[in-house]
Every structure is written in C-alpha cells, then in structure tokens.
Amino acid sequence: MVVVQVALASVSVSSRHWGAERGRGVVRCGIAEASGEPAPMGQKTKYNDGVFAKAFMTLFARKIEKFGRDIDDKKGWLDYDYDYESFVQVSKSAMQGRNRLQQQQVVRLVLLSMLPPGAPAQFRKLFPPTKWAAEFNAALTVPFFHWLVGPSEVVEVEVNGVKQKSGVHIKKCRYIDTQNQ
C-alpha cells in the first residue's frame, strides 16, 4: 500500500464521479472501466477526462513546456486538446537530462508559477503545520489531484505518536501507469 502524507493543497475542480465506499469518501476520477475501479496492476486503466481535467492538463503542460526539450507537437494556448498521454510526454521531456534535484526544482518552479506573488507565504500563515491543516490538505488533495494521480482516499496515519487522517492512499497511480505503457 502506498500512502502519501499531504503537505500541500492544490486547487482544481473535481470530476462527476463522487462516491462512498465503506463509509469513506472516494473520488473515482472518471474511470471508464465498467467496475468503476482501476484495472488490475499490469493493465492500463481507461479514464474519461472531463473538460476541467483537460483544462488542468493543459495549464500544467503549458507551464512544464517552458522547461522541456524540443517537442514537435507543441499546442497553442487556446488549444485544449491535451490529453493525459500528451501531458505525460511534455513532463517526461522536461525531466530528460536532469538529475533528481534538478527535477524537483522544475516541479517547484512550475507549481510556484501557478500562484500569485506572495501566495506561499500567505498559505504558510493561514495553514501552519498543525493536525487540522494536514487533515484539511489531505481532504482537498483527494478530489483536486484525481486528474493527475487517479483514484485516492484519505487514510489515517500516525505522526509523532498521534493518529490523524492526513494520509492519502493512491489506489493505482495514473502517472506511473501511463509511463509504463
């Protein structure tokens, strides 16, 4: 089981597939599989991305393109034809030839470029590192990152001996699934 403890929140619009599973909120992120669940490991899961997911893919891809190598298929700003595979292609291009630290710096710069000036400092003031802030960020991450990582859910984790619902369990990572195909 992969559990990610959430430290940052993002802003996005969730898909139409909201559900509850055994009393926990689960975002199904437009999975096109008949079961509504990710395909088994080793098989690629099919998704139905809506307009908001494609808008975020386009927004992120535009920002990432600035760091990428030459891509023959660059699209215009008003072209919302980015699908998930082309988003992954752009991100892989930006990471080629960079070590892990350089890749982290690119991701940081891309994320910061989407925020207004001063937003990180304001965010730290509004959400100091507390149990509530960690749980709030985890709750936001599930619906707002589904287009990027696939289906996920908030889970309880232990931090410094205290149990809190600030972990995010990614059932099957969409990004990794796409890269491995």
N, C-alpha and C. Protein backbone atom coordinates (compact mmCIF):
# COMPACT_ATOMS: atom_id res chain seq x y z
N MET A 1 0.85 -1.18 0.00
CA MET A 1 0.00 0.00 0.00
C MET A 1 0.89 1.23 0.00
N VAL A 2 0.60 2.19 -0.85
CA VAL A 2 1.34 3.43 -0.93
C VAL A 2 0.51 4.51 -0.24
N VAL A 3 1.09 5.17 0.74
CA VAL A 3 0.40 6.26 1.44
C VAL A 3 1.28 7.48 1.36
N VAL A 4 0.69 8.58 0.97
CA VAL A 4 1.40 9.84 0.86
C VAL A 4 0.86 10.76 1.93
N GLN A 5 1.72 11.31 2.77
CA GLN A 5 1.25 12.29 3.73
C GLN A 5 1.24 13.63 3.03
N VAL A 6 0.14 14.32 3.13
CA VAL A 6 -0.06 15.54 2.38
C VAL A 6 0.52 16.72 3.13
N ALA A 7 1.29 17.53 2.39
CA ALA A 7 1.86 18.73 2.98
C ALA A 7 1.34 19.98 2.28
N LEU A 8 0.85 19.84 1.06
CA LEU A 8 0.36 20.99 0.30
C LEU A 8 -1.02 20.70 -0.24
N ALA A 9 -1.80 21.73 -0.45
CA ALA A 9 -3.10 21.57 -1.09
C ALA A 9 -3.01 22.14 -2.50
N SER A 10 -3.93 21.75 -3.34
CA SER A 10 -3.99 22.32 -4.68
C SER A 10 -5.41 22.77 -4.96
N VAL A 11 -5.58 23.53 -5.99
CA VAL A 11 -6.90 23.98 -6.37
C VAL A 11 -7.22 23.41 -7.74
N SER A 12 -8.37 22.80 -7.84
CA SER A 12 -8.80 22.16 -9.08
C SER A 12 -10.30 21.98 -9.00
N VAL A 13 -10.86 21.38 -10.00
CA VAL A 13 -12.28 21.06 -9.99
C VAL A 13 -12.40 19.57 -10.15
N SER A 14 -13.21 18.96 -9.32
CA SER A 14 -13.31 17.50 -9.33
C SER A 14 -14.25 17.02 -10.43
N SER A 15 -14.15 15.73 -10.70
CA SER A 15 -14.98 15.14 -11.75
C SER A 15 -16.36 14.81 -11.23
N ARG A 16 -17.18 14.29 -12.09
CA ARG A 16 -18.55 13.97 -11.75
C ARG A 16 -18.68 12.68 -10.97
N HIS A 17 -17.61 11.92 -10.84
CA HIS A 17 -17.68 10.61 -10.19
C HIS A 17 -17.29 10.70 -8.73
N TRP A 18 -18.24 11.03 -7.89
CA TRP A 18 -18.03 11.03 -6.46
C TRP A 18 -18.74 9.82 -5.91
N GLY A 19 -18.18 9.21 -4.91
CA GLY A 19 -18.84 8.04 -4.34
C GLY A 19 -18.41 7.82 -2.92
N ALA A 20 -19.03 6.87 -2.31
CA ALA A 20 -18.63 6.50 -0.95
C ALA A 20 -18.38 5.00 -0.96
N GLU A 21 -17.35 4.63 -0.27
CA GLU A 21 -17.00 3.22 -0.22
C GLU A 21 -16.72 2.88 1.23
N ARG A 22 -17.53 2.02 1.81
CA ARG A 22 -17.39 1.61 3.20
C ARG A 22 -17.28 2.83 4.13
N GLY A 23 -18.11 3.85 3.86
CA GLY A 23 -18.16 5.00 4.74
C GLY A 23 -17.08 6.03 4.51
N ARG A 24 -16.19 5.83 3.54
CA ARG A 24 -15.13 6.81 3.28
C ARG A 24 -15.40 7.45 1.93
N GLY A 25 -15.12 8.74 1.82
CA GLY A 25 -15.27 9.40 0.54
C GLY A 25 -14.18 8.96 -0.42
N VAL A 26 -14.55 8.59 -1.62
CA VAL A 26 -13.60 8.17 -2.63
C VAL A 26 -13.93 8.89 -3.92
N VAL A 27 -12.94 9.46 -4.54
CA VAL A 27 -13.14 10.09 -5.84
C VAL A 27 -12.71 9.09 -6.89
N ARG A 28 -13.59 8.79 -7.83
CA ARG A 28 -13.30 7.76 -8.82
C ARG A 28 -12.68 8.33 -10.08
N CYS A 29 -12.59 9.62 -10.20
CA CYS A 29 -11.85 10.33 -11.24
C CYS A 29 -12.14 9.90 -12.66
N GLY A 30 -13.38 9.69 -12.98
CA GLY A 30 -13.76 9.44 -14.37
C GLY A 30 -13.21 8.15 -14.94
N ILE A 31 -13.10 7.11 -14.12
CA ILE A 31 -12.60 5.83 -14.62
C ILE A 31 -13.63 5.26 -15.58
N ALA A 32 -13.17 4.85 -16.75
CA ALA A 32 -14.06 4.33 -17.78
C ALA A 32 -14.28 2.82 -17.66
N GLU A 33 -13.61 2.17 -16.73
CA GLU A 33 -13.79 0.73 -16.55
C GLU A 33 -15.21 0.46 -16.07
N ALA A 34 -15.78 -0.66 -16.50
CA ALA A 34 -17.16 -1.00 -16.15
C ALA A 34 -17.36 -1.08 -14.64
N SER A 35 -16.36 -1.54 -13.91
CA SER A 35 -16.46 -1.68 -12.46
C SER A 35 -16.34 -0.35 -11.72
N GLY A 36 -15.84 0.68 -12.40
CA GLY A 36 -15.58 1.96 -11.74
C GLY A 36 -14.30 1.95 -10.94
N GLU A 37 -13.58 0.85 -10.96
CA GLU A 37 -12.32 0.69 -10.23
C GLU A 37 -11.17 0.65 -11.22
N PRO A 38 -9.95 0.94 -10.76
CA PRO A 38 -8.79 0.84 -11.66
C PRO A 38 -8.61 -0.59 -12.17
N ALA A 39 -8.06 -0.72 -13.37
CA ALA A 39 -7.74 -2.03 -13.92
C ALA A 39 -6.68 -2.69 -13.04
N PRO A 40 -6.59 -4.01 -13.07
CA PRO A 40 -5.56 -4.70 -12.26
C PRO A 40 -4.16 -4.22 -12.63
N MET A 41 -3.24 -4.38 -11.69
CA MET A 41 -1.86 -4.00 -11.93
C MET A 41 -1.36 -4.70 -13.20
N GLY A 42 -0.59 -3.98 -13.99
CA GLY A 42 -0.09 -4.52 -15.25
C GLY A 42 -0.99 -4.22 -16.42
N GLN A 43 -2.22 -3.78 -16.15
CA GLN A 43 -3.14 -3.39 -17.22
C GLN A 43 -3.44 -1.91 -17.07
N LYS A 44 -3.50 -1.21 -18.19
CA LYS A 44 -3.74 0.22 -18.16
C LYS A 44 -5.22 0.51 -17.90
N THR A 45 -5.48 1.38 -16.97
CA THR A 45 -6.84 1.80 -16.65
C THR A 45 -7.29 2.85 -17.66
N LYS A 46 -8.53 2.77 -18.10
CA LYS A 46 -9.09 3.74 -19.04
C LYS A 46 -9.84 4.81 -18.24
N TYR A 47 -9.67 6.05 -18.65
CA TYR A 47 -10.30 7.19 -17.98
C TYR A 47 -11.14 7.99 -18.97
N ASN A 48 -12.18 8.64 -18.46
CA ASN A 48 -12.97 9.60 -19.23
C ASN A 48 -12.70 10.97 -18.61
N ASP A 49 -11.76 11.71 -19.18
CA ASP A 49 -11.42 13.01 -18.63
C ASP A 49 -12.42 14.05 -19.10
N GLY A 50 -12.92 14.83 -18.16
CA GLY A 50 -13.86 15.90 -18.47
C GLY A 50 -13.13 17.17 -18.85
N VAL A 51 -13.92 18.20 -19.07
CA VAL A 51 -13.37 19.48 -19.53
C VAL A 51 -12.44 20.09 -18.48
N PHE A 52 -12.78 19.97 -17.20
CA PHE A 52 -11.93 20.55 -16.16
C PHE A 52 -10.60 19.81 -16.04
N ALA A 53 -10.64 18.49 -16.14
CA ALA A 53 -9.39 17.72 -16.10
C ALA A 53 -8.50 18.11 -17.27
N LYS A 54 -9.10 18.23 -18.45
CA LYS A 54 -8.30 18.62 -19.63
C LYS A 54 -7.77 20.04 -19.50
N ALA A 55 -8.55 20.92 -18.88
CA ALA A 55 -8.08 22.30 -18.66
C ALA A 55 -6.86 22.30 -17.74
N PHE A 56 -6.88 21.49 -16.68
CA PHE A 56 -5.73 21.42 -15.78
C PHE A 56 -4.54 20.76 -16.45
N MET A 57 -4.79 19.73 -17.26
CA MET A 57 -3.70 19.11 -18.01
C MET A 57 -3.04 20.14 -18.92
N THR A 58 -3.86 20.95 -19.58
CA THR A 58 -3.35 21.97 -20.48
C THR A 58 -2.57 23.03 -19.70
N LEU A 59 -3.12 23.49 -18.59
CA LEU A 59 -2.45 24.50 -17.78
C LEU A 59 -1.09 24.01 -17.30
N PHE A 60 -1.05 22.82 -16.73
CA PHE A 60 0.21 22.28 -16.25
C PHE A 60 1.17 22.04 -17.41
N ALA A 61 0.67 21.48 -18.51
CA ALA A 61 1.55 21.20 -19.66
C ALA A 61 2.16 22.48 -20.21
N ARG A 62 1.39 23.55 -20.29
CA ARG A 62 1.91 24.84 -20.78
C ARG A 62 3.05 25.33 -19.90
N LYS A 63 2.87 25.20 -18.59
CA LYS A 63 3.91 25.65 -17.66
C LYS A 63 5.15 24.75 -17.77
N ILE A 64 4.93 23.44 -17.89
CA ILE A 64 6.04 22.50 -17.96
C ILE A 64 6.80 22.63 -19.28
N GLU A 65 6.10 22.95 -20.37
CA GLU A 65 6.75 23.08 -21.69
C GLU A 65 7.93 24.04 -21.67
N LYS A 66 7.86 25.05 -20.82
CA LYS A 66 8.95 26.03 -20.75
C LYS A 66 10.27 25.40 -20.32
N PHE A 67 10.19 24.26 -19.65
CA PHE A 67 11.38 23.58 -19.16
C PHE A 67 11.75 22.37 -20.01
N GLY A 68 10.89 22.03 -20.97
CA GLY A 68 11.08 20.82 -21.76
C GLY A 68 12.03 21.01 -22.92
N ARG A 69 12.42 19.88 -23.46
CA ARG A 69 13.23 19.86 -24.68
C ARG A 69 12.30 20.12 -25.85
N ASP A 70 12.83 20.23 -27.02
CA ASP A 70 12.01 20.48 -28.20
C ASP A 70 11.00 19.36 -28.41
N ILE A 71 9.75 19.74 -28.54
CA ILE A 71 8.67 18.79 -28.82
C ILE A 71 8.04 19.23 -30.13
N ASP A 72 7.87 18.29 -31.03
CA ASP A 72 7.31 18.61 -32.34
C ASP A 72 5.85 19.02 -32.26
N ASP A 73 5.14 18.55 -31.23
CA ASP A 73 3.69 18.70 -31.18
C ASP A 73 3.25 19.75 -30.18
N LYS A 74 3.94 20.91 -30.09
CA LYS A 74 3.52 21.95 -29.16
C LYS A 74 2.18 22.51 -29.62
N LYS A 75 1.33 22.80 -28.65
CA LYS A 75 -0.02 23.28 -28.94
C LYS A 75 -0.13 24.74 -28.54
N GLY A 76 -1.09 25.44 -29.08
CA GLY A 76 -1.31 26.84 -28.74
C GLY A 76 -2.03 26.98 -27.41
N TRP A 77 -2.00 28.17 -26.81
CA TRP A 77 -2.62 28.39 -25.50
C TRP A 77 -4.11 28.14 -25.50
N LEU A 78 -4.79 28.39 -26.60
CA LEU A 78 -6.24 28.19 -26.64
C LEU A 78 -6.61 26.79 -27.11
N ASP A 79 -5.63 25.95 -27.32
CA ASP A 79 -5.86 24.58 -27.77
C ASP A 79 -5.96 23.68 -26.54
N TYR A 80 -7.17 23.18 -26.27
CA TYR A 80 -7.37 22.32 -25.10
C TYR A 80 -7.37 20.85 -25.50
N ASP A 81 -6.59 20.50 -26.51
CA ASP A 81 -6.54 19.13 -26.98
C ASP A 81 -5.51 18.29 -26.23
N TYR A 82 -4.97 18.80 -25.13
CA TYR A 82 -4.07 17.98 -24.35
C TYR A 82 -4.86 16.84 -23.72
N ASP A 83 -4.38 15.64 -23.92
CA ASP A 83 -4.93 14.51 -23.18
C ASP A 83 -3.86 14.09 -22.18
N TYR A 84 -4.15 13.08 -21.40
CA TYR A 84 -3.21 12.69 -20.35
C TYR A 84 -1.88 12.21 -20.91
N GLU A 85 -1.93 11.47 -22.02
CA GLU A 85 -0.70 10.94 -22.60
C GLU A 85 0.21 12.07 -23.08
N SER A 86 -0.37 13.11 -23.70
CA SER A 86 0.47 14.23 -24.16
C SER A 86 0.99 15.04 -22.97
N PHE A 87 0.21 15.12 -21.89
CA PHE A 87 0.67 15.77 -20.67
C PHE A 87 1.89 15.04 -20.12
N VAL A 88 1.82 13.69 -20.09
CA VAL A 88 2.94 12.89 -19.60
C VAL A 88 4.15 13.06 -20.51
N GLN A 89 3.92 13.12 -21.82
CA GLN A 89 5.02 13.31 -22.78
C GLN A 89 5.74 14.63 -22.51
N VAL A 90 4.99 15.69 -22.29
CA VAL A 90 5.59 17.00 -22.01
C VAL A 90 6.38 16.95 -20.70
N SER A 91 5.82 16.31 -19.68
CA SER A 91 6.53 16.26 -18.40
C SER A 91 7.79 15.41 -18.49
N LYS A 92 7.73 14.32 -19.24
CA LYS A 92 8.94 13.49 -19.42
C LYS A 92 10.01 14.29 -20.16
N SER A 93 9.60 15.07 -21.15
CA SER A 93 10.55 15.89 -21.90
C SER A 93 11.26 16.89 -20.98
N ALA A 94 10.51 17.45 -20.05
CA ALA A 94 11.09 18.43 -19.13
C ALA A 94 12.07 17.79 -18.15
N MET A 95 11.92 16.51 -17.89
CA MET A 95 12.77 15.82 -16.93
C MET A 95 14.00 15.17 -17.56
N GLN A 96 14.00 15.01 -18.86
CA GLN A 96 15.12 14.35 -19.53
C GLN A 96 16.41 15.13 -19.31
N GLY A 97 17.47 14.39 -18.97
CA GLY A 97 18.78 15.01 -18.81
C GLY A 97 18.95 15.74 -17.49
N ARG A 98 17.99 15.65 -16.60
CA ARG A 98 18.09 16.32 -15.31
C ARG A 98 18.22 15.27 -14.21
N ASN A 99 19.01 15.60 -13.19
CA ASN A 99 19.10 14.70 -12.04
C ASN A 99 17.90 14.94 -11.13
N ARG A 100 17.79 14.15 -10.06
CA ARG A 100 16.63 14.21 -9.18
C ARG A 100 16.43 15.61 -8.59
N LEU A 101 17.49 16.24 -8.14
CA LEU A 101 17.39 17.57 -7.55
C LEU A 101 16.91 18.59 -8.59
N GLN A 102 17.45 18.53 -9.79
CA GLN A 102 17.02 19.44 -10.85
C GLN A 102 15.55 19.20 -11.22
N GLN A 103 15.12 17.94 -11.21
CA GLN A 103 13.71 17.63 -11.50
C GLN A 103 12.81 18.22 -10.42
N GLN A 104 13.23 18.11 -9.15
CA GLN A 104 12.45 18.69 -8.07
C GLN A 104 12.36 20.21 -8.20
N GLN A 105 13.45 20.83 -8.64
CA GLN A 105 13.45 22.28 -8.83
C GLN A 105 12.48 22.68 -9.93
N VAL A 106 12.43 21.90 -11.02
CA VAL A 106 11.49 22.19 -12.11
C VAL A 106 10.06 22.09 -11.61
N VAL A 107 9.75 21.04 -10.87
CA VAL A 107 8.39 20.86 -10.34
C VAL A 107 8.04 22.03 -9.42
N ARG A 108 8.96 22.41 -8.57
CA ARG A 108 8.72 23.54 -7.66
C ARG A 108 8.45 24.82 -8.45
N LEU A 109 9.26 25.10 -9.46
CA LEU A 109 9.07 26.30 -10.27
C LEU A 109 7.75 26.28 -11.02
N VAL A 110 7.36 25.13 -11.52
CA VAL A 110 6.07 25.02 -12.23
C VAL A 110 4.93 25.32 -11.26
N LEU A 111 4.97 24.70 -10.09
CA LEU A 111 3.89 24.94 -9.11
C LEU A 111 3.86 26.40 -8.66
N LEU A 112 5.03 26.97 -8.40
CA LEU A 112 5.07 28.38 -7.97
C LEU A 112 4.59 29.32 -9.07
N SER A 113 4.81 28.95 -10.34
CA SER A 113 4.39 29.81 -11.44
C SER A 113 2.87 29.89 -11.57
N MET A 114 2.17 28.99 -10.92
CA MET A 114 0.70 28.99 -10.98
C MET A 114 0.07 29.80 -9.85
N LEU A 115 0.89 30.28 -8.95
CA LEU A 115 0.38 31.02 -7.81
C LEU A 115 0.67 32.51 -7.96
N PRO A 116 -0.18 33.35 -7.39
CA PRO A 116 0.13 34.78 -7.41
C PRO A 116 1.31 35.07 -6.49
N PRO A 117 2.00 36.18 -6.70
CA PRO A 117 3.14 36.53 -5.84
C PRO A 117 2.70 36.59 -4.38
N GLY A 118 3.53 36.06 -3.50
CA GLY A 118 3.24 36.08 -2.07
C GLY A 118 2.32 34.97 -1.58
N ALA A 119 1.79 34.17 -2.48
CA ALA A 119 0.85 33.12 -2.08
C ALA A 119 1.47 32.08 -1.15
N PRO A 120 2.69 31.60 -1.42
CA PRO A 120 3.26 30.60 -0.50
C PRO A 120 3.38 31.12 0.95
N ALA A 121 3.81 32.36 1.11
CA ALA A 121 3.93 32.92 2.46
C ALA A 121 2.56 33.04 3.12
N GLN A 122 1.56 33.48 2.37
CA GLN A 122 0.20 33.58 2.91
C GLN A 122 -0.35 32.21 3.28
N PHE A 123 -0.05 31.22 2.43
CA PHE A 123 -0.51 29.86 2.69
C PHE A 123 0.08 29.35 4.01
N ARG A 124 1.37 29.61 4.22
CA ARG A 124 2.01 29.17 5.47
C ARG A 124 1.40 29.86 6.69
N LYS A 125 1.00 31.14 6.54
CA LYS A 125 0.35 31.85 7.65
C LYS A 125 -1.04 31.28 7.93
N LEU A 126 -1.80 31.02 6.87
CA LEU A 126 -3.15 30.50 7.03
C LEU A 126 -3.18 29.06 7.51
N PHE A 127 -2.20 28.29 7.07
CA PHE A 127 -2.16 26.86 7.38
C PHE A 127 -0.82 26.46 7.99
N PRO A 128 -0.57 26.87 9.23
CA PRO A 128 0.66 26.44 9.88
C PRO A 128 0.62 24.92 10.04
N PRO A 129 1.78 24.29 10.24
CA PRO A 129 1.81 22.82 10.32
C PRO A 129 1.12 22.30 11.59
N THR A 130 -0.18 22.08 11.48
CA THR A 130 -0.97 21.52 12.58
C THR A 130 -1.69 20.28 12.08
N LYS A 131 -2.25 19.53 13.02
CA LYS A 131 -3.03 18.34 12.66
C LYS A 131 -4.19 18.74 11.76
N TRP A 132 -4.89 19.82 12.11
CA TRP A 132 -6.04 20.26 11.32
C TRP A 132 -5.61 20.61 9.89
N ALA A 133 -4.52 21.34 9.76
CA ALA A 133 -4.06 21.75 8.42
C ALA A 133 -3.67 20.53 7.59
N ALA A 134 -3.01 19.55 8.20
CA ALA A 134 -2.63 18.34 7.47
C ALA A 134 -3.87 17.57 7.02
N GLU A 135 -4.86 17.46 7.90
CA GLU A 135 -6.10 16.76 7.54
C GLU A 135 -6.88 17.53 6.48
N PHE A 136 -6.90 18.84 6.58
CA PHE A 136 -7.58 19.67 5.58
C PHE A 136 -6.92 19.52 4.22
N ASN A 137 -5.60 19.55 4.18
CA ASN A 137 -4.87 19.40 2.92
C ASN A 137 -5.10 18.02 2.31
N ALA A 138 -5.14 16.98 3.14
CA ALA A 138 -5.41 15.63 2.63
C ALA A 138 -6.81 15.58 2.04
N ALA A 139 -7.77 16.18 2.74
CA ALA A 139 -9.16 16.18 2.24
C ALA A 139 -9.27 16.92 0.91
N LEU A 140 -8.51 17.97 0.72
CA LEU A 140 -8.53 18.71 -0.56
C LEU A 140 -7.79 17.96 -1.66
N THR A 141 -6.74 17.27 -1.29
CA THR A 141 -5.91 16.58 -2.28
C THR A 141 -6.69 15.50 -3.02
N VAL A 142 -7.53 14.74 -2.32
CA VAL A 142 -8.25 13.64 -2.95
C VAL A 142 -9.09 14.12 -4.14
N PRO A 143 -9.97 15.09 -3.99
CA PRO A 143 -10.75 15.49 -5.17
C PRO A 143 -9.99 16.38 -6.15
N PHE A 144 -8.97 17.07 -5.69
CA PHE A 144 -8.32 18.05 -6.56
C PHE A 144 -7.10 17.54 -7.30
N PHE A 145 -6.60 16.35 -6.98
CA PHE A 145 -5.48 15.78 -7.71
C PHE A 145 -5.85 14.51 -8.46
N HIS A 146 -7.12 14.17 -8.48
CA HIS A 146 -7.54 12.92 -9.12
C HIS A 146 -7.16 12.87 -10.58
N TRP A 147 -7.17 14.00 -11.27
CA TRP A 147 -6.84 14.03 -12.69
C TRP A 147 -5.37 13.66 -12.92
N LEU A 148 -4.54 13.88 -11.91
CA LEU A 148 -3.11 13.63 -12.04
C LEU A 148 -2.72 12.22 -11.59
N VAL A 149 -3.22 11.80 -10.43
CA VAL A 149 -2.76 10.53 -9.85
C VAL A 149 -3.77 9.41 -9.91
N GLY A 150 -5.02 9.69 -10.25
CA GLY A 150 -6.03 8.64 -10.28
C GLY A 150 -6.78 8.57 -8.95
N PRO A 151 -7.49 7.47 -8.73
CA PRO A 151 -8.33 7.36 -7.53
C PRO A 151 -7.51 7.29 -6.26
N SER A 152 -7.98 8.00 -5.25
CA SER A 152 -7.29 8.02 -3.97
C SER A 152 -8.30 8.23 -2.86
N GLU A 153 -7.83 8.05 -1.64
CA GLU A 153 -8.71 8.25 -0.49
C GLU A 153 -7.87 8.69 0.70
N VAL A 154 -8.51 9.41 1.62
CA VAL A 154 -7.84 9.84 2.85
C VAL A 154 -7.79 8.65 3.79
N VAL A 155 -6.62 8.45 4.40
CA VAL A 155 -6.45 7.37 5.37
C VAL A 155 -5.82 7.91 6.64
N GLU A 156 -6.00 7.15 7.71
CA GLU A 156 -5.42 7.52 8.99
C GLU A 156 -3.95 7.11 9.03
N VAL A 157 -3.10 8.00 9.51
CA VAL A 157 -1.68 7.74 9.69
C VAL A 157 -1.29 8.18 11.10
N GLU A 158 -0.13 7.74 11.52
CA GLU A 158 0.38 8.16 12.83
C GLU A 158 1.55 9.10 12.62
N VAL A 159 1.46 10.29 13.23
CA VAL A 159 2.52 11.29 13.13
C VAL A 159 2.94 11.65 14.55
N ASN A 160 4.19 11.37 14.86
CA ASN A 160 4.72 11.64 16.21
C ASN A 160 3.82 11.04 17.30
N GLY A 161 3.32 9.82 17.08
CA GLY A 161 2.51 9.13 18.07
C GLY A 161 1.05 9.53 18.09
N VAL A 162 0.65 10.45 17.22
CA VAL A 162 -0.74 10.92 17.17
C VAL A 162 -1.38 10.44 15.88
N LYS A 163 -2.56 9.82 16.00
CA LYS A 163 -3.28 9.36 14.81
C LYS A 163 -4.06 10.53 14.22
N GLN A 164 -3.98 10.64 12.89
CA GLN A 164 -4.72 11.70 12.20
C GLN A 164 -5.04 11.24 10.79
N LYS A 165 -6.08 11.82 10.22
CA LYS A 165 -6.50 11.47 8.86
C LYS A 165 -5.83 12.44 7.88
N SER A 166 -4.51 12.29 7.74
CA SER A 166 -3.77 13.18 6.85
C SER A 166 -2.97 12.42 5.81
N GLY A 167 -3.20 11.12 5.70
CA GLY A 167 -2.54 10.33 4.67
C GLY A 167 -3.44 10.24 3.45
N VAL A 168 -2.85 10.08 2.30
CA VAL A 168 -3.63 9.89 1.07
C VAL A 168 -3.15 8.58 0.44
N HIS A 169 -4.06 7.64 0.30
CA HIS A 169 -3.75 6.36 -0.33
C HIS A 169 -4.13 6.45 -1.80
N ILE A 170 -3.13 6.32 -2.67
CA ILE A 170 -3.37 6.32 -4.12
C ILE A 170 -3.53 4.87 -4.52
N LYS A 171 -4.72 4.53 -5.01
CA LYS A 171 -5.02 3.12 -5.31
C LYS A 171 -4.15 2.57 -6.44
N LYS A 172 -4.00 3.32 -7.50
CA LYS A 172 -3.15 2.93 -8.62
C LYS A 172 -2.77 4.23 -9.32
N CYS A 173 -1.50 4.58 -9.28
CA CYS A 173 -1.06 5.88 -9.77
C CYS A 173 -1.20 5.98 -11.28
N ARG A 174 -2.01 6.91 -11.70
CA ARG A 174 -2.26 7.11 -13.13
C ARG A 174 -1.00 7.51 -13.87
N TYR A 175 -0.20 8.36 -13.28
CA TYR A 175 1.01 8.85 -13.94
C TYR A 175 1.98 7.71 -14.19
N ILE A 176 2.21 6.90 -13.18
CA ILE A 176 3.12 5.76 -13.33
C ILE A 176 2.53 4.75 -14.32
N ASP A 177 1.23 4.51 -14.21
CA ASP A 177 0.54 3.58 -15.12
C ASP A 177 0.72 4.02 -16.58
N THR A 178 0.62 5.32 -16.84
CA THR A 178 0.76 5.85 -18.18
C THR A 178 2.22 5.76 -18.66
N GLN A 179 3.16 6.04 -17.79
CA GLN A 179 4.58 5.99 -18.16
C GLN A 179 5.03 4.57 -18.47
N ASN A 180 4.44 3.58 -17.83
CA ASN A 180 4.85 2.20 -18.02
C ASN A 180 4.22 1.53 -19.24
N GLN A 181 3.38 2.20 -19.95
CA GLN A 181 2.71 1.58 -21.11
C GLN A 181 3.48 1.84 -22.38
